[in-house]
C-alpha cells in the first residue's frame, strides 16, 4: 500500500490489522519440550496460591492502584475503585470469585482490549510510523495485580540470587557491578 492514501475507514482498519498481524506473527506448537525434572530444579509447594482471594487482599491491592492514572477503556481509575469500594465491593468480590472458580459466563469483555495507534514521530504518514498500545480493562488489571502480589512474596525463595532483572529490589545493572 506504499504511497496510497486510505480514506475509507473499513479499508484503513483492515490495512492496519493485516500489517500488525504480519509483524506480530502467530504462535506454533513447539517441536521440542524440556523435561524439567531432569534439570534437578527445586520444587515448591504452591498450593496456597490457589486459595480464593480475601476482601483484605483485594482492598490492599485496590489501595495500591494509582489513583489518578488515565482511565482504562471501561472508564474506571484507581480512584474510582478506592472511593466506591463500599458500594462496589459485593460485585467486585463476586466477579473475582467467578473468575477464580472458572465461571466465565459473560466475561468475553475481559479478553478484549482497545488498540490505540500512537504516532512515533510528527507528521506520521506510514503504518510503520505508528506504535500500537493495548488498553486493557481495569478489572483485568486488578486481577493481574492480585495474582502478581500473591506470587511476589514467594519469588525471593524461588529465584536464584544471581537473577537480577524483573525482581523487585534487583537491578539488571547489578550484574555489571559484579563483573
C-alpha atoms as a PDB file:
ATOM      1  CA  UNK A   1       0.000   0.000   0.000  1.00  0.00           C
ATOM      2  CA  UNK A   2       3.020   2.221  -0.333  1.00  0.00           C
ATOM      3  CA  UNK A   3       2.188   5.764  -1.325  1.00  0.00           C
ATOM      4  CA  UNK A   4      -1.596   5.278  -1.258  1.00  0.00           C
ATOM      5  CA  UNK A   5      -3.900   7.348   0.886  1.00  0.00           C
ATOM      6  CA  UNK A   6      -6.536   5.364   2.786  1.00  0.00           C
ATOM      7  CA  UNK A   7      -9.679   7.439   3.056  1.00  0.00           C
ATOM      8  CA  UNK A   8     -12.172   4.623   3.671  1.00  0.00           C
ATOM      9  CA  UNK A   9     -12.307   3.710   7.401  1.00  0.00           C
ATOM     10  CA  UNK A  10     -13.003  -0.002   6.810  1.00  0.00           C
ATOM     11  CA  UNK A  11     -10.090  -0.208   4.423  1.00  0.00           C
ATOM     12  CA  UNK A  12      -7.856   1.670   6.871  1.00  0.00           C
ATOM     13  CA  UNK A  13      -8.775  -0.729   9.708  1.00  0.00           C
ATOM     14  CA  UNK A  14      -8.161  -3.762   7.501  1.00  0.00           C
ATOM     15  CA  UNK A  15      -4.795  -2.426   6.330  1.00  0.00           C
ATOM     16  CA  UNK A  16      -3.600  -1.720   9.884  1.00  0.00           C
ATOM     17  CA  UNK A  17      -4.905  -5.096  11.066  1.00  0.00           C
ATOM     18  CA  UNK A  18      -3.051  -7.054   8.372  1.00  0.00           C
ATOM     19  CA  UNK A  19       0.133  -5.035   8.802  1.00  0.00           C
ATOM     20  CA  UNK A  20       0.359  -5.571  12.562  1.00  0.00           C
ATOM     21  CA  UNK A  21      -0.800  -9.191  12.284  1.00  0.00           C
ATOM     22  CA  UNK A  22       2.136  -9.872   9.975  1.00  0.00           C
ATOM     23  CA  UNK A  23       4.559  -8.074  12.301  1.00  0.00           C
ATOM     24  CA  UNK A  24       3.381  -9.953  15.378  1.00  0.00           C
ATOM     25  CA  UNK A  25       3.106 -13.309  13.621  1.00  0.00           C
ATOM     26  CA  UNK A  26       1.403 -16.324  15.123  1.00  0.00           C
ATOM     27  CA  UNK A  27       2.334 -18.995  17.603  1.00  0.00           C
ATOM     28  CA  UNK A  28       3.201 -22.510  16.582  1.00  0.00           C
ATOM     29  CA  UNK A  29       3.433 -25.726  18.538  1.00  0.00           C
ATOM     30  CA  UNK A  30       6.903 -26.450  19.846  1.00  0.00           C
ATOM     31  CA  UNK A  31       8.629 -29.452  18.350  1.00  0.00           C
ATOM     32  CA  UNK A  32      10.886 -29.902  21.367  1.00  0.00           C
ATOM     33  CA  UNK A  33       9.998 -29.850  25.044  1.00  0.00           C
ATOM     34  CA  UNK A  34      12.201 -29.688  28.098  1.00  0.00           C
ATOM     35  CA  UNK A  35      11.958 -32.291  30.832  1.00  0.00           C
ATOM     36  CA  UNK A  36      12.236 -30.013  33.849  1.00  0.00           C
ATOM     37  CA  UNK A  37      12.700 -32.946  36.233  1.00  0.00           C
ATOM     38  CA  UNK A  38      15.999 -33.751  34.525  1.00  0.00           C
ATOM     39  CA  UNK A  39      17.294 -30.297  35.468  1.00  0.00           C
ATOM     40  CA  UNK A  40      17.028 -31.174  39.182  1.00  0.00           C
ATOM     41  CA  UNK A  41      15.317 -27.881  39.911  1.00  0.00           C
ATOM     42  CA  UNK A  42      13.936 -27.500  43.426  1.00  0.00           C
ATOM     43  CA  UNK A  43      10.187 -27.885  43.736  1.00  0.00           C
ATOM     44  CA  UNK A  44       7.951 -25.580  45.737  1.00  0.00           C
ATOM     45  CA  UNK A  45       4.596 -26.126  47.352  1.00  0.00           C
ATOM     46  CA  UNK A  46       2.405 -23.521  45.682  1.00  0.00           C
ATOM     47  CA  UNK A  47      -0.976 -24.911  46.735  1.00  0.00           C
ATOM     48  CA  UNK A  48      -1.820 -21.823  48.793  1.00  0.00           C
ATOM     49  CA  UNK A  49      -1.635 -19.703  45.634  1.00  0.00           C
ATOM     50  CA  UNK A  50      -4.886 -21.343  44.564  1.00  0.00           C
ATOM     51  CA  UNK A  51      -6.854 -20.127  47.587  1.00  0.00           C
ATOM     52  CA  UNK A  52      -9.669 -17.671  46.828  1.00  0.00           C
ATOM     53  CA  UNK A  53      -8.813 -14.005  47.274  1.00  0.00           C
ATOM     54  CA  UNK A  54      -9.937 -12.401  50.518  1.00  0.00           C
ATOM     55  CA  UNK A  55     -11.583  -8.989  50.812  1.00  0.00           C
ATOM     56  CA  UNK A  56      -8.476  -7.798  52.655  1.00  0.00           C
ATOM     57  CA  UNK A  57      -6.203  -8.871  49.763  1.00  0.00           C
ATOM     58  CA  UNK A  58      -8.439  -7.156  47.223  1.00  0.00           C
ATOM     59  CA  UNK A  59      -8.731  -3.949  49.272  1.00  0.00           C
ATOM     60  CA  UNK A  60      -4.947  -3.825  49.836  1.00  0.00           C
ATOM     61  CA  UNK A  61      -4.413  -4.175  46.080  1.00  0.00           C
ATOM     62  CA  UNK A  62      -7.035  -1.525  45.285  1.00  0.00           C
ATOM     63  CA  UNK A  63      -5.367   0.895  47.705  1.00  0.00           C
ATOM     64  CA  UNK A  64      -2.078   0.381  45.842  1.00  0.00           C
ATOM     65  CA  UNK A  65      -3.600   1.278  42.457  1.00  0.00           C
ATOM     66  CA  UNK A  66      -2.506   4.668  41.101  1.00  0.00           C
ATOM     67  CA  UNK A  67      -5.473   6.931  41.826  1.00  0.00           C
ATOM     68  CA  UNK A  68      -5.091   9.435  39.016  1.00  0.00           C
ATOM     69  CA  UNK A  69      -3.733   7.355  36.147  1.00  0.00           C
ATOM     70  CA  UNK A  70      -5.608   7.711  32.844  1.00  0.00           C
ATOM     71  CA  UNK A  71      -8.840   5.704  32.804  1.00  0.00           C
ATOM     72  CA  UNK A  72      -8.950   2.345  31.079  1.00  0.00           C
ATOM     73  CA  UNK A  73     -11.396   1.611  28.240  1.00  0.00           C
ATOM     74  CA  UNK A  74     -14.101   0.968  30.817  1.00  0.00           C
ATOM     75  CA  UNK A  75     -13.536   4.488  32.187  1.00  0.00           C
ATOM     76  CA  UNK A  76     -12.542   3.412  35.694  1.00  0.00           C
ATOM     77  CA  UNK A  77      -9.460   4.660  37.500  1.00  0.00           C
ATOM     78  CA  UNK A  78      -7.859   3.516  40.729  1.00  0.00           C
ATOM     79  CA  UNK A  79      -9.592   6.445  42.400  1.00  0.00           C
ATOM     80  CA  UNK A  80     -12.992   5.053  41.350  1.00  0.00           C
ATOM     81  CA  UNK A  81     -12.230   1.689  42.976  1.00  0.00           C
ATOM     82  CA  UNK A  82     -10.887   3.360  46.124  1.00  0.00           C
ATOM     83  CA  UNK A  83     -13.733   5.829  46.638  1.00  0.00           C
ATOM     84  CA  UNK A  84     -16.546   3.487  45.615  1.00  0.00           C
ATOM     85  CA  UNK A  85     -15.216   0.357  47.340  1.00  0.00           C
ATOM     86  CA  UNK A  86     -18.017   0.208  49.967  1.00  0.00           C
ATOM     87  CA  UNK A  87     -20.592   0.288  47.166  1.00  0.00           C
ATOM     88  CA  UNK A  88     -18.909  -1.963  44.561  1.00  0.00           C
ATOM     89  CA  UNK A  89     -17.292  -4.457  46.952  1.00  0.00           C
ATOM     90  CA  UNK A  90     -20.007  -7.165  46.636  1.00  0.00           C
ATOM     91  CA  UNK A  91     -19.951  -7.063  42.825  1.00  0.00           C
ATOM     92  CA  UNK A  92     -16.152  -6.968  42.587  1.00  0.00           C
ATOM     93  CA  UNK A  93     -15.762  -9.859  45.032  1.00  0.00           C
ATOM     94  CA  UNK A  94     -18.439 -11.858  43.158  1.00  0.00           C
ATOM     95  CA  UNK A  95     -16.669 -11.223  39.836  1.00  0.00           C
ATOM     96  CA  UNK A  96     -13.271 -12.203  41.271  1.00  0.00           C
ATOM     97  CA  UNK A  97     -14.832 -15.321  42.780  1.00  0.00           C
ATOM     98  CA  UNK A  98     -16.430 -16.198  39.428  1.00  0.00           C
ATOM     99  CA  UNK A  99     -13.117 -15.875  37.614  1.00  0.00           C
ATOM    100  CA  UNK A 100     -11.295 -17.838  40.302  1.00  0.00           C
ATOM    101  CA  UNK A 101     -13.976 -20.565  40.090  1.00  0.00           C
ATOM    102  CA  UNK A 102     -13.622 -20.598  36.289  1.00  0.00           C
ATOM    103  CA  UNK A 103     -17.228 -19.492  35.760  1.00  0.00           C
ATOM    104  CA  UNK A 104     -16.617 -17.343  32.701  1.00  0.00           C
ATOM    105  CA  UNK A 105     -20.184 -16.654  31.574  1.00  0.00           C
ATOM    106  CA  UNK A 106     -20.413 -13.155  30.120  1.00  0.00           C
ATOM    107  CA  UNK A 107     -16.712 -12.464  30.682  1.00  0.00           C
ATOM    108  CA  UNK A 108     -15.818 -12.097  26.982  1.00  0.00           C
ATOM    109  CA  UNK A 109     -15.100  -8.413  27.519  1.00  0.00           C
ATOM    110  CA  UNK A 110     -12.160  -9.280  29.801  1.00  0.00           C
ATOM    111  CA  UNK A 111     -10.420 -10.857  26.837  1.00  0.00           C
ATOM    112  CA  UNK A 112     -10.819  -7.742  24.749  1.00  0.00           C
ATOM    113  CA  UNK A 113      -8.783  -4.587  24.603  1.00  0.00           C
ATOM    114  CA  UNK A 114      -8.778  -1.393  22.647  1.00  0.00           C
ATOM    115  CA  UNK A 115      -5.748  -0.818  20.497  1.00  0.00           C
ATOM    116  CA  UNK A 116      -4.636   2.762  20.056  1.00  0.00           C
ATOM    117  CA  UNK A 117      -2.059   3.786  17.485  1.00  0.00           C
ATOM    118  CA  UNK A 118       0.358   6.402  18.753  1.00  0.00           C
ATOM    119  CA  UNK A 119       2.476   8.284  16.228  1.00  0.00           C
ATOM    120  CA  UNK A 120       6.209   7.651  16.680  1.00  0.00           C
ATOM    121  CA  UNK A 121       7.072  10.984  15.052  1.00  0.00           C
ATOM    122  CA  UNK A 122       5.467  14.235  13.954  1.00  0.00           C
ATOM    123  CA  UNK A 123       3.561  14.067  10.662  1.00  0.00           C
ATOM    124  CA  UNK A 124       3.196  10.277  10.776  1.00  0.00           C
ATOM    125  CA  UNK A 125       2.014   9.119   7.367  1.00  0.00           C
ATOM    126  CA  UNK A 126       3.048   5.473   7.052  1.00  0.00           C
ATOM    127  CA  UNK A 127       1.743   2.498   9.023  1.00  0.00           C
ATOM    128  CA  UNK A 128       5.294   1.993  10.313  1.00  0.00           C
ATOM    129  CA  UNK A 129       5.130   5.496  11.836  1.00  0.00           C
ATOM    130  CA  UNK A 130       2.661   4.295  14.494  1.00  0.00           C
ATOM    131  CA  UNK A 131       3.146   2.276  17.677  1.00  0.00           C
ATOM    132  CA  UNK A 132       0.188   0.156  18.802  1.00  0.00           C
ATOM    133  CA  UNK A 133      -0.650   0.032  22.508  1.00  0.00           C
ATOM    134  CA  UNK A 134      -3.318  -2.066  24.179  1.00  0.00           C
ATOM    135  CA  UNK A 135      -5.779  -0.528  26.585  1.00  0.00           C
ATOM    136  CA  UNK A 136      -6.915  -3.300  28.905  1.00  0.00           C
ATOM    137  CA  UNK A 137      -9.982  -3.128  31.154  1.00  0.00           C
ATOM    138  CA  UNK A 138      -9.319  -2.090  34.756  1.00  0.00           C
ATOM    139  CA  UNK A 139     -10.899  -5.247  36.170  1.00  0.00           C
ATOM    140  CA  UNK A 140      -8.450  -7.424  34.213  1.00  0.00           C
ATOM    141  CA  UNK A 141      -5.610  -5.266  35.545  1.00  0.00           C
ATOM    142  CA  UNK A 142      -6.935  -5.676  39.089  1.00  0.00           C
ATOM    143  CA  UNK A 143      -6.998  -9.477  38.716  1.00  0.00           C
ATOM    144  CA  UNK A 144      -3.486  -9.479  37.287  1.00  0.00           C
ATOM    145  CA  UNK A 145      -2.187  -7.309  40.120  1.00  0.00           C
ATOM    146  CA  UNK A 146      -3.856  -9.550  42.716  1.00  0.00           C
ATOM    147  CA  UNK A 147      -2.127 -12.618  41.294  1.00  0.00           C
ATOM    148  CA  UNK A 148       1.214 -10.828  40.934  1.00  0.00           C
ATOM    149  CA  UNK A 149       1.070  -9.576  44.544  1.00  0.00           C
ATOM    150  CA  UNK A 150       0.344 -13.057  45.827  1.00  0.00           C
ATOM    151  CA  UNK A 151       3.235 -14.549  43.885  1.00  0.00           C
ATOM    152  CA  UNK A 152       5.654 -11.706  44.694  1.00  0.00           C
ATOM    153  CA  UNK A 153       6.004 -12.811  48.295  1.00  0.00           C
ATOM    154  CA  UNK A 154       7.403 -16.146  47.169  1.00  0.00           C
ATOM    155  CA  UNK A 155       9.735 -15.061  44.389  1.00  0.00           C
ATOM    156  CA  UNK A 156      12.697 -14.376  46.647  1.00  0.00           C
ATOM    157  CA  UNK A 157      12.736 -18.075  47.599  1.00  0.00           C
ATOM    158  CA  UNK A 158      12.144 -19.294  44.044  1.00  0.00           C
ATOM    159  CA  UNK A 159      14.568 -17.095  42.141  1.00  0.00           C
ATOM    160  CA  UNK A 160      18.308 -17.581  42.449  1.00  0.00           C
ATOM    161  CA  UNK A 161      20.316 -14.684  43.905  1.00  0.00           C
ATOM    162  CA  UNK A 162      22.104 -14.111  40.596  1.00  0.00           C
ATOM    163  CA  UNK A 163      18.820 -13.312  38.845  1.00  0.00           C
ATOM    164  CA  UNK A 164      18.876  -9.543  38.809  1.00  0.00           C
ATOM    165  CA  UNK A 165      16.205  -8.418  36.380  1.00  0.00           C
ATOM    166  CA  UNK A 166      12.435  -8.241  36.766  1.00  0.00           C
ATOM    167  CA  UNK A 167      12.558  -8.814  40.519  1.00  0.00           C
ATOM    168  CA  UNK A 168      11.592  -6.053  42.935  1.00  0.00           C
ATOM    169  CA  UNK A 169      14.722  -4.664  44.551  1.00  0.00           C
ATOM    170  CA  UNK A 170      17.030  -6.290  41.980  1.00  0.00           C
ATOM    171  CA  UNK A 171      18.503  -4.368  39.070  1.00  0.00           C
ATOM    172  CA  UNK A 172      19.966  -5.688  35.839  1.00  0.00           C
ATOM    173  CA  UNK A 173      22.858  -3.251  36.180  1.00  0.00           C
ATOM    174  CA  UNK A 174      23.914  -5.100  39.340  1.00  0.00           C
ATOM    175  CA  UNK A 175      25.378  -7.778  37.061  1.00  0.00           C
ATOM    176  CA  UNK A 176      27.766  -5.235  35.565  1.00  0.00           C
ATOM    177  CA  UNK A 177      28.861  -4.194  39.036  1.00  0.00           C
ATOM    178  CA  UNK A 178      29.577  -7.817  39.935  1.00  0.00           C
ATOM    179  CA  UNK A 179      31.663  -8.319  36.803  1.00  0.00           C
END
